N, C-alpha and C. Protein backbone atom coordinates (compact mmCIF):
# COMPACT_ATOMS: atom_id res chain seq x y z
N MET A 1 -12.32 30.23 -87.65
CA MET A 1 -11.16 29.76 -87.37
C MET A 1 -11.15 28.33 -87.56
N ARG A 2 -11.81 27.22 -87.39
CA ARG A 2 -11.32 26.08 -87.99
C ARG A 2 -11.09 25.50 -88.82
N LYS A 3 -11.86 26.17 -90.14
CA LYS A 3 -11.35 25.70 -91.61
C LYS A 3 -10.29 26.48 -91.61
N ILE A 4 -9.36 27.75 -90.84
CA ILE A 4 -8.49 28.07 -91.36
C ILE A 4 -7.59 26.79 -90.83
N LEU A 5 -7.91 26.39 -89.75
CA LEU A 5 -6.85 25.62 -89.12
C LEU A 5 -6.46 24.05 -89.77
N MET A 6 -7.62 23.78 -90.07
CA MET A 6 -7.56 22.31 -91.00
C MET A 6 -7.27 22.80 -92.15
N ALA A 7 -7.35 24.12 -93.25
CA ALA A 7 -6.83 24.41 -93.95
C ALA A 7 -5.30 24.41 -93.91
N VAL A 8 -4.86 24.41 -93.19
CA VAL A 8 -3.34 24.95 -92.78
C VAL A 8 -2.49 23.17 -92.03
N ILE A 9 -3.16 22.55 -91.95
CA ILE A 9 -3.25 21.09 -91.96
C ILE A 9 -3.13 20.03 -92.87
N GLY A 10 -4.35 20.55 -93.67
CA GLY A 10 -4.10 20.06 -94.83
C GLY A 10 -2.73 20.42 -95.66
N ALA A 11 -2.52 21.72 -95.73
CA ALA A 11 -1.53 22.20 -96.28
C ALA A 11 0.14 21.75 -95.53
N VAL A 12 0.13 21.24 -94.72
CA VAL A 12 0.89 20.42 -94.05
C VAL A 12 1.16 19.35 -94.50
N ILE A 13 0.17 18.60 -94.34
CA ILE A 13 0.14 17.28 -94.82
C ILE A 13 0.50 16.55 -96.53
N ALA A 14 -0.39 17.89 -97.41
CA ALA A 14 0.66 18.06 -98.58
C ALA A 14 1.71 18.36 -99.21
N LEU A 15 2.41 19.08 -98.03
CA LEU A 15 3.77 19.57 -98.15
C LEU A 15 4.75 18.07 -97.76
N PHE A 16 4.17 18.01 -96.94
CA PHE A 16 4.90 16.44 -95.69
C PHE A 16 4.86 15.23 -97.19
N GLY A 17 3.45 15.16 -97.40
CA GLY A 17 3.83 14.42 -99.00
C GLY A 17 4.78 14.23 -99.87
N LEU A 18 4.75 15.71 -100.58
CA LEU A 18 5.60 16.01 -101.30
C LEU A 18 6.84 16.18 -101.26
N PHE A 19 7.62 16.98 -100.64
CA PHE A 19 8.32 16.97 -99.91
C PHE A 19 9.49 16.72 -99.14
N GLY A 20 8.56 15.75 -98.27
CA GLY A 20 9.73 15.40 -97.09
C GLY A 20 9.98 14.07 -97.44
N VAL A 21 10.11 13.96 -97.49
CA VAL A 21 11.50 12.42 -98.66
C VAL A 21 12.49 13.22 -99.01
N GLN A 22 12.30 13.90 -99.80
CA GLN A 22 13.33 14.58 -100.24
C GLN A 22 14.16 15.38 -99.40
N ILE A 23 13.54 16.41 -98.92
CA ILE A 23 14.27 16.92 -97.62
C ILE A 23 14.60 16.46 -96.25
N GLY A 24 14.39 14.92 -96.02
CA GLY A 24 14.97 14.02 -94.94
C GLY A 24 13.56 13.93 -93.26
N LEU A 25 12.25 15.02 -93.67
CA LEU A 25 11.77 14.78 -92.94
C LEU A 25 10.90 13.25 -92.64
N VAL A 26 10.43 12.64 -93.26
CA VAL A 26 10.14 11.83 -93.45
C VAL A 26 11.14 10.93 -93.90
N GLY A 27 11.16 9.04 -93.38
CA GLY A 27 11.64 8.49 -94.46
C GLY A 27 11.00 7.29 -95.16
N ASN A 28 9.52 7.51 -95.57
CA ASN A 28 9.20 7.19 -96.29
C ASN A 28 7.43 7.71 -96.44
N VAL A 29 6.71 8.12 -97.66
CA VAL A 29 5.37 8.20 -97.91
C VAL A 29 4.42 7.43 -97.75
N ASN A 30 3.26 7.03 -97.84
CA ASN A 30 2.03 6.25 -98.26
C ASN A 30 0.94 7.93 -98.63
N GLU A 31 1.28 7.38 -100.19
CA GLU A 31 0.38 8.04 -100.92
C GLU A 31 -0.66 8.28 -100.64
N VAL A 32 -1.17 6.74 -100.44
CA VAL A 32 -2.38 6.89 -100.37
C VAL A 32 -3.21 7.32 -98.54
N SER A 33 -2.44 7.38 -98.23
CA SER A 33 -2.58 8.28 -96.56
C SER A 33 -2.58 9.41 -96.77
N ILE A 34 -2.08 10.09 -97.33
CA ILE A 34 -2.02 11.46 -97.98
C ILE A 34 -3.18 11.82 -98.42
N VAL A 35 -3.64 11.41 -99.48
CA VAL A 35 -4.89 11.84 -100.50
C VAL A 35 -6.02 11.63 -99.17
N ALA A 36 -6.01 10.65 -98.85
CA ALA A 36 -7.08 9.78 -97.37
C ALA A 36 -6.73 11.27 -96.86
N ALA A 37 -6.02 11.45 -96.30
CA ALA A 37 -6.68 12.86 -95.24
C ALA A 37 -6.82 14.28 -95.69
N LEU A 38 -6.35 14.47 -97.05
CA LEU A 38 -7.14 15.78 -97.53
C LEU A 38 -8.07 15.77 -98.50
N LEU A 39 -8.68 14.45 -98.77
CA LEU A 39 -10.03 14.30 -98.45
C LEU A 39 -11.08 14.38 -97.20
N ILE A 40 -10.48 14.00 -96.71
CA ILE A 40 -11.11 14.49 -95.42
C ILE A 40 -11.62 15.54 -94.73
N ILE A 41 -9.79 16.40 -94.83
CA ILE A 41 -10.23 17.77 -94.50
C ILE A 41 -10.84 18.34 -95.69
N GLY A 42 -10.83 18.08 -96.73
CA GLY A 42 -11.45 18.63 -98.08
C GLY A 42 -13.35 18.18 -97.82
N VAL A 43 -13.70 17.35 -97.43
CA VAL A 43 -15.30 17.26 -97.06
C VAL A 43 -15.65 17.77 -96.41
N TRP A 44 -14.70 17.86 -94.63
CA TRP A 44 -14.97 19.03 -93.42
C TRP A 44 -14.94 20.29 -93.72
N ILE A 45 -13.75 20.86 -94.23
CA ILE A 45 -13.80 21.89 -95.31
C ILE A 45 -15.35 22.30 -95.60
N PHE A 46 -15.40 21.63 -96.79
CA PHE A 46 -16.74 21.95 -97.96
C PHE A 46 -18.08 21.52 -97.22
N SER A 47 -18.40 20.77 -96.27
CA SER A 47 -19.21 20.90 -95.63
C SER A 47 -19.46 22.33 -94.41
N GLU A 48 -18.65 22.12 -93.64
CA GLU A 48 -19.24 23.47 -92.35
C GLU A 48 -18.94 24.57 -93.39
N PHE A 49 -18.23 24.82 -94.86
CA PHE A 49 -18.91 26.12 -95.11
C PHE A 49 -20.20 25.92 -95.85
N LYS A 50 -20.39 24.95 -96.11
CA LYS A 50 -21.44 24.99 -96.90
C LYS A 50 -23.00 25.64 -95.64
N LYS A 51 -22.83 24.58 -94.58
CA LYS A 51 -23.62 24.87 -92.91
C LYS A 51 -23.49 26.47 -92.81
N ASP A 52 -22.49 26.90 -92.94
CA ASP A 52 -21.45 27.88 -92.43
C ASP A 52 -22.06 29.18 -93.65
N TRP A 53 -22.66 29.03 -94.59
CA TRP A 53 -23.48 30.26 -95.61
C TRP A 53 -25.01 29.99 -95.13
N ALA A 54 -25.12 28.81 -94.85
CA ALA A 54 -26.84 28.88 -94.68
C ALA A 54 -27.41 30.03 -93.78
N GLU A 55 -26.35 29.57 -92.50
CA GLU A 55 -26.58 29.67 -91.81
C GLU A 55 -26.62 31.53 -91.61
N PHE A 56 -25.06 31.80 -92.39
CA PHE A 56 -25.68 33.61 -92.15
C PHE A 56 -26.50 34.03 -92.83
N LYS A 57 -26.75 33.31 -94.10
CA LYS A 57 -27.77 34.07 -94.89
C LYS A 57 -28.96 34.12 -94.00
N ASP A 58 -29.12 33.14 -92.43
CA ASP A 58 -30.42 33.08 -92.25
C ASP A 58 -29.99 33.78 -90.89
N GLY A 59 -28.58 34.87 -90.35
CA GLY A 59 -28.68 35.89 -89.63
C GLY A 59 -28.25 33.97 -87.95
N ILE A 60 -27.99 33.43 -88.47
CA ILE A 60 -27.72 32.02 -87.23
C ILE A 60 -25.69 32.56 -87.13
N LYS A 61 -25.75 32.34 -85.69
CA LYS A 61 -23.83 32.23 -85.18
C LYS A 61 -24.10 30.65 -84.83
N GLN A 62 -23.42 30.39 -84.98
CA GLN A 62 -23.11 28.92 -84.49
C GLN A 62 -22.48 28.84 -82.99
N THR A 63 -23.15 28.17 -81.68
CA THR A 63 -22.24 28.18 -80.58
C THR A 63 -21.54 27.02 -80.47
N ASN A 64 -20.47 26.57 -79.70
CA ASN A 64 -19.76 26.05 -79.00
C ASN A 64 -19.10 24.89 -80.10
N GLN A 65 -18.43 26.08 -81.16
CA GLN A 65 -17.55 25.46 -82.10
C GLN A 65 -16.79 24.46 -82.07
N TRP A 66 -15.95 24.67 -80.71
CA TRP A 66 -14.96 23.53 -80.29
C TRP A 66 -15.09 22.26 -79.73
N SER A 67 -16.47 22.05 -79.23
CA SER A 67 -17.52 20.67 -79.07
C SER A 67 -17.25 20.32 -80.03
N ASP A 68 -17.66 20.57 -81.72
CA ASP A 68 -17.93 19.85 -82.59
C ASP A 68 -17.33 18.79 -82.86
N PRO A 69 -17.82 17.30 -83.23
CA PRO A 69 -17.10 16.01 -82.76
C PRO A 69 -17.26 15.97 -84.72
N ALA A 70 -17.74 16.40 -85.73
CA ALA A 70 -17.11 16.26 -87.03
C ALA A 70 -16.01 16.75 -87.30
N PHE A 71 -15.76 18.15 -86.41
CA PHE A 71 -14.42 18.66 -86.36
C PHE A 71 -12.67 17.78 -85.86
N TRP A 72 -13.45 17.33 -85.09
CA TRP A 72 -12.50 16.34 -84.18
C TRP A 72 -12.51 15.15 -85.09
N THR A 73 -13.47 14.47 -85.56
CA THR A 73 -12.87 13.63 -85.82
C THR A 73 -12.03 13.71 -87.69
N ALA A 74 -12.79 14.54 -88.48
CA ALA A 74 -11.63 15.28 -89.22
C ALA A 74 -10.19 15.69 -89.19
N ALA A 75 -10.03 16.08 -87.75
CA ALA A 75 -8.80 16.73 -87.01
C ALA A 75 -7.69 15.53 -87.16
N ILE A 76 -8.14 14.54 -86.13
CA ILE A 76 -7.65 13.75 -85.38
C ILE A 76 -7.40 13.12 -86.65
N THR A 77 -8.34 12.43 -87.56
CA THR A 77 -7.94 11.28 -88.36
C THR A 77 -7.57 11.77 -89.31
N SER A 78 -7.70 12.71 -89.76
CA SER A 78 -6.50 13.48 -90.79
C SER A 78 -5.10 13.35 -90.61
N VAL A 79 -4.72 13.44 -89.30
CA VAL A 79 -3.52 13.07 -88.84
C VAL A 79 -2.63 12.03 -88.66
N LEU A 80 -3.65 11.05 -88.34
CA LEU A 80 -3.69 10.08 -88.29
C LEU A 80 -3.13 9.22 -88.95
N LEU A 81 -3.37 8.93 -89.98
CA LEU A 81 -3.69 8.71 -91.37
C LEU A 81 -2.50 8.23 -91.84
N PRO A 82 -1.89 10.02 -91.71
CA PRO A 82 -0.41 9.89 -92.90
C PRO A 82 1.10 9.53 -91.89
N LEU A 83 -0.40 10.01 -90.25
CA LEU A 83 1.59 9.90 -88.88
C LEU A 83 1.45 7.72 -88.72
N LEU A 84 0.58 6.91 -89.29
CA LEU A 84 0.64 5.27 -89.22
C LEU A 84 1.88 5.24 -90.21
N ALA A 85 2.68 5.39 -91.39
CA ALA A 85 3.32 5.52 -92.12
C ALA A 85 5.04 5.67 -91.00
N ALA A 86 5.17 6.74 -90.42
CA ALA A 86 6.07 7.07 -89.63
C ALA A 86 6.47 6.51 -87.87
N PHE A 87 5.34 5.44 -87.75
CA PHE A 87 5.57 4.62 -86.41
C PHE A 87 5.47 3.68 -86.79
N ASN A 88 5.49 3.30 -88.41
CA ASN A 88 5.73 1.75 -89.08
C ASN A 88 4.80 0.62 -88.37
N VAL A 89 3.50 1.52 -88.61
CA VAL A 89 1.93 0.82 -88.69
C VAL A 89 1.33 0.29 -90.10
N VAL A 90 1.70 -0.30 -90.80
CA VAL A 90 1.22 -1.09 -92.21
C VAL A 90 -0.06 -1.48 -92.36
N LEU A 91 -0.68 -0.92 -92.89
CA LEU A 91 -2.13 -0.89 -93.39
C LEU A 91 -2.56 -0.94 -94.97
N THR A 92 -3.07 -1.94 -95.50
CA THR A 92 -3.01 -1.78 -96.98
C THR A 92 -4.25 -0.63 -97.43
N ASP A 93 -3.49 -0.23 -98.88
CA ASP A 93 -3.97 0.67 -99.30
C ASP A 93 -5.69 0.75 -99.41
N ALA A 94 -6.38 -1.03 -99.52
CA ALA A 94 -7.25 -0.48 -99.22
C ALA A 94 -7.95 -0.14 -97.84
N THR A 95 -7.47 -1.06 -96.95
CA THR A 95 -8.19 -0.70 -95.48
C THR A 95 -7.78 0.76 -95.59
N ILE A 96 -6.87 1.76 -96.16
CA ILE A 96 -6.96 3.46 -95.79
C ILE A 96 -7.63 4.15 -96.58
N SER A 97 -8.71 2.97 -97.94
CA SER A 97 -9.32 3.99 -98.36
C SER A 97 -10.85 3.70 -98.30
N ILE A 98 -11.03 2.78 -97.85
CA ILE A 98 -12.43 2.39 -97.12
C ILE A 98 -12.56 3.31 -96.08
N ALA A 99 -11.96 3.16 -95.06
CA ALA A 99 -11.72 4.10 -94.13
C ALA A 99 -11.73 5.57 -94.64
N ALA A 100 -10.98 5.87 -95.63
CA ALA A 100 -11.41 7.68 -95.76
C ALA A 100 -12.68 8.04 -96.04
N THR A 101 -13.19 6.25 -96.73
CA THR A 101 -14.66 7.03 -97.58
C THR A 101 -15.89 6.94 -96.13
N ILE A 102 -15.32 6.03 -95.42
CA ILE A 102 -16.12 5.73 -94.75
C ILE A 102 -16.18 6.86 -93.93
N LEU A 103 -15.13 7.50 -93.47
CA LEU A 103 -15.40 8.93 -92.64
C LEU A 103 -15.72 10.01 -93.40
N ALA A 104 -15.65 10.22 -95.19
CA ALA A 104 -15.95 10.98 -95.41
C ALA A 104 -17.47 11.42 -95.87
N VAL A 105 -18.11 9.95 -95.25
CA VAL A 105 -19.44 9.72 -95.19
C VAL A 105 -19.82 10.12 -93.62
N VAL A 106 -19.18 9.80 -92.74
CA VAL A 106 -19.47 10.09 -91.40
C VAL A 106 -19.53 11.34 -90.82
N VAL A 107 -18.85 12.09 -91.12
CA VAL A 107 -18.25 13.51 -91.33
C VAL A 107 -19.39 14.51 -91.42
N PRO A 108 -20.01 14.64 -92.49
CA PRO A 108 -20.95 15.75 -92.80
C PRO A 108 -22.19 14.95 -91.85
N ILE A 109 -22.60 14.03 -91.79
CA ILE A 109 -23.36 13.42 -90.92
C ILE A 109 -23.30 14.13 -90.12
N LEU A 110 -21.88 13.68 -88.74
CA LEU A 110 -22.12 14.32 -87.45
C LEU A 110 -21.87 15.41 -87.20
N LEU A 111 -21.56 16.04 -88.75
CA LEU A 111 -21.97 18.12 -88.68
C LEU A 111 -23.32 18.28 -88.62
N SER A 112 -24.04 17.48 -89.35
CA SER A 112 -25.96 17.77 -89.18
C SER A 112 -26.07 17.31 -88.07
N ILE A 113 -25.60 15.99 -86.96
CA ILE A 113 -26.35 15.78 -85.92
C ILE A 113 -26.47 17.13 -84.61
N PHE A 114 -25.01 17.27 -84.07
CA PHE A 114 -24.28 18.06 -83.22
C PHE A 114 -24.31 19.22 -83.28
N ARG A 115 -24.31 19.72 -84.82
CA ARG A 115 -24.25 21.20 -84.85
C ARG A 115 -25.42 22.20 -83.79
N LYS A 116 -24.72 22.91 -83.24
CA LYS A 116 -25.47 24.07 -81.92
C LYS A 116 -25.89 25.21 -82.15
N THR A 117 -26.89 25.78 -82.90
CA THR A 117 -27.00 26.57 -83.01
C THR A 117 -28.31 27.08 -82.62
N PRO A 118 -28.09 29.03 -81.63
CA PRO A 118 -29.26 29.25 -81.17
C PRO A 118 -30.53 29.05 -81.95
N PRO A 119 -31.39 28.94 -81.43
CA PRO A 119 -32.92 28.77 -82.01
C PRO A 119 -33.08 29.89 -82.51
N VAL A 120 -34.08 30.12 -84.06
CA VAL A 120 -34.46 31.21 -84.43
C VAL A 120 -35.29 32.02 -83.88
N VAL A 121 -35.68 33.35 -83.34
CA VAL A 121 -36.80 33.53 -82.75
C VAL A 121 -37.70 34.78 -83.41
């Protein structure tokens, strides 16, 4: 369910990035923040899918999915980066790129550290 939610968030961000200005939903779009948000979402979905697939093959079911800090980090930052332009917060492209790169590394690490699975008996 979380992967579907993140995919929908990514699709909405991409649509706003592509068509937001043309249909009058947003005044301006920072392309770098759109790409950064999609990068963070893509990294989380790929990492989560990889973990889920490995655990599915081992017969393990993840517990307490909604308290995963990797999910919340990816969700909040992927929405926050494109919204900064809407609130007239100006960040340089280099700052956004560095933040996205750091988050693309931190999200899989958080996923590995905090993922709760029941012990295999």
